[in-house]
Amino acid sequence: MKNEFVGSDFNEFLKEDGIYEEVNDIAIKRVIAYQLEQEMKAQNITKTKMAELMNTSRAVVNRLLNPNNDSLTLNTLESATNALGKRLSISII
């Protein structure tokens, strides 16, 4: 019996299933949340301090660090990276 998925990669499988964009977006958000959280730990910045640095509420920081929250804006990302002394880099490839 021939397997129809032999030779295809996982991305092709997701595209065929019609969920590639959704899965990719979730993965990107989780990576960003993880990177921000790791940088906060490295700099000993609490969520409360991060909120102060971003001139926002702790609830916004909680949403920012929640890998399941998909309502992230570029403005919030830029504010977070600036607060950490970093810069946001986004590219189209």
Protein backbone atom coordinates (compact mmCIF):
# COMPACT_ATOMS: atom_id res chain seq x y z
CA MET A 1 0.00 0.00 0.00
CA LYS A 2 1.43 3.38 -1.02
CA ASN A 3 1.46 6.18 1.56
CA GLU A 4 0.32 9.43 -0.05
CA PHE A 5 2.41 11.52 2.39
CA VAL A 6 5.75 9.85 1.74
CA GLY A 7 8.10 12.41 0.28
CA SER A 8 6.10 15.41 1.43
CA ASP A 9 7.17 17.56 4.35
CA PHE A 10 5.16 18.71 7.34
CA ASN A 11 4.52 22.15 5.84
CA GLU A 12 3.01 20.56 2.73
CA PHE A 13 0.84 18.38 4.95
CA LEU A 14 -0.43 21.47 6.81
CA LYS A 15 -1.08 23.29 3.53
CA GLU A 16 -3.01 20.34 2.16
CA ASP A 17 -5.02 20.28 5.38
CA GLY A 18 -5.69 24.03 5.00
CA ILE A 19 -4.20 25.00 8.36
CA TYR A 20 -0.66 26.06 7.49
CA GLU A 21 -1.16 29.81 8.06
CA GLU A 22 -2.94 29.30 11.37
CA VAL A 23 -0.29 26.90 12.69
CA ASN A 24 2.53 29.14 11.45
CA ASP A 25 1.02 32.20 13.13
CA ILE A 26 0.67 30.33 16.44
CA ALA A 27 4.27 29.13 16.23
CA ILE A 28 5.57 32.64 15.58
CA LYS A 29 3.59 34.06 18.50
CA ARG A 30 4.92 31.37 20.83
CA VAL A 31 8.50 32.08 19.79
CA ILE A 32 8.04 35.83 20.34
CA ALA A 33 6.46 35.30 23.76
CA TYR A 34 9.29 32.96 24.73
CA GLN A 35 11.99 35.36 23.55
CA LEU A 36 10.46 38.28 25.43
CA GLU A 37 10.07 36.22 28.59
CA GLN A 38 13.68 35.00 28.38
CA GLU A 39 14.99 38.53 27.89
CA MET A 40 12.93 39.76 30.85
CA LYS A 41 14.46 36.99 32.99
CA ALA A 42 17.97 37.80 31.78
CA GLN A 43 17.47 41.44 32.77
CA ASN A 44 15.60 40.59 36.01
CA ILE A 45 12.54 42.51 34.84
CA THR A 46 9.22 41.55 36.43
CA LYS A 47 5.90 41.82 34.64
CA THR A 48 5.06 44.83 36.79
CA LYS A 49 8.34 46.55 35.89
CA MET A 50 7.85 45.66 32.22
CA ALA A 51 4.42 47.29 32.31
CA GLU A 52 6.00 50.43 33.78
CA LEU A 53 8.71 50.48 31.12
CA MET A 54 6.08 50.07 28.39
CA ASN A 55 3.78 52.70 29.96
CA THR A 56 0.95 50.19 30.04
CA SER A 57 -0.82 47.81 32.40
CA ARG A 58 0.31 44.47 33.69
CA ALA A 59 -2.71 42.94 31.90
CA VAL A 60 -1.20 44.02 28.57
CA VAL A 61 2.12 42.40 29.52
CA ASN A 62 0.28 39.20 30.51
CA ARG A 63 -1.41 39.14 27.09
CA LEU A 64 1.92 39.85 25.39
CA LEU A 65 3.58 36.89 27.13
CA ASN A 66 0.62 34.55 26.64
CA PRO A 67 1.56 32.30 23.70
CA ASN A 68 -2.13 31.56 23.07
CA ASN A 69 -3.17 35.20 22.72
CA ASP A 70 -3.38 36.12 19.06
CA SER A 71 -4.34 39.78 19.46
CA LEU A 72 -0.79 41.05 19.41
CA THR A 73 -0.09 44.33 17.61
CA LEU A 74 3.13 45.58 16.10
CA ASN A 75 2.91 48.64 18.31
CA THR A 76 2.84 46.46 21.44
CA LEU A 77 5.74 44.37 20.16
CA GLU A 78 7.79 47.45 19.40
CA SER A 79 7.02 48.92 22.81
CA ALA A 80 8.09 45.68 24.51
CA THR A 81 11.34 45.35 22.59
CA ASN A 82 12.19 49.01 23.18
CA ALA A 83 11.53 48.58 26.91
CA LEU A 84 14.09 45.76 26.91
CA GLY A 85 16.64 47.85 25.03
CA LYS A 86 16.18 45.72 21.93
CA ARG A 87 14.74 46.38 18.51
CA LEU A 88 12.06 44.56 16.62
CA SER A 89 13.06 43.05 13.30
CA ILE A 90 10.42 41.77 10.91
CA SER A 91 11.12 40.67 7.37
CA ILE A 92 9.22 39.39 4.38
CA ILE A 93 10.90 36.40 2.82
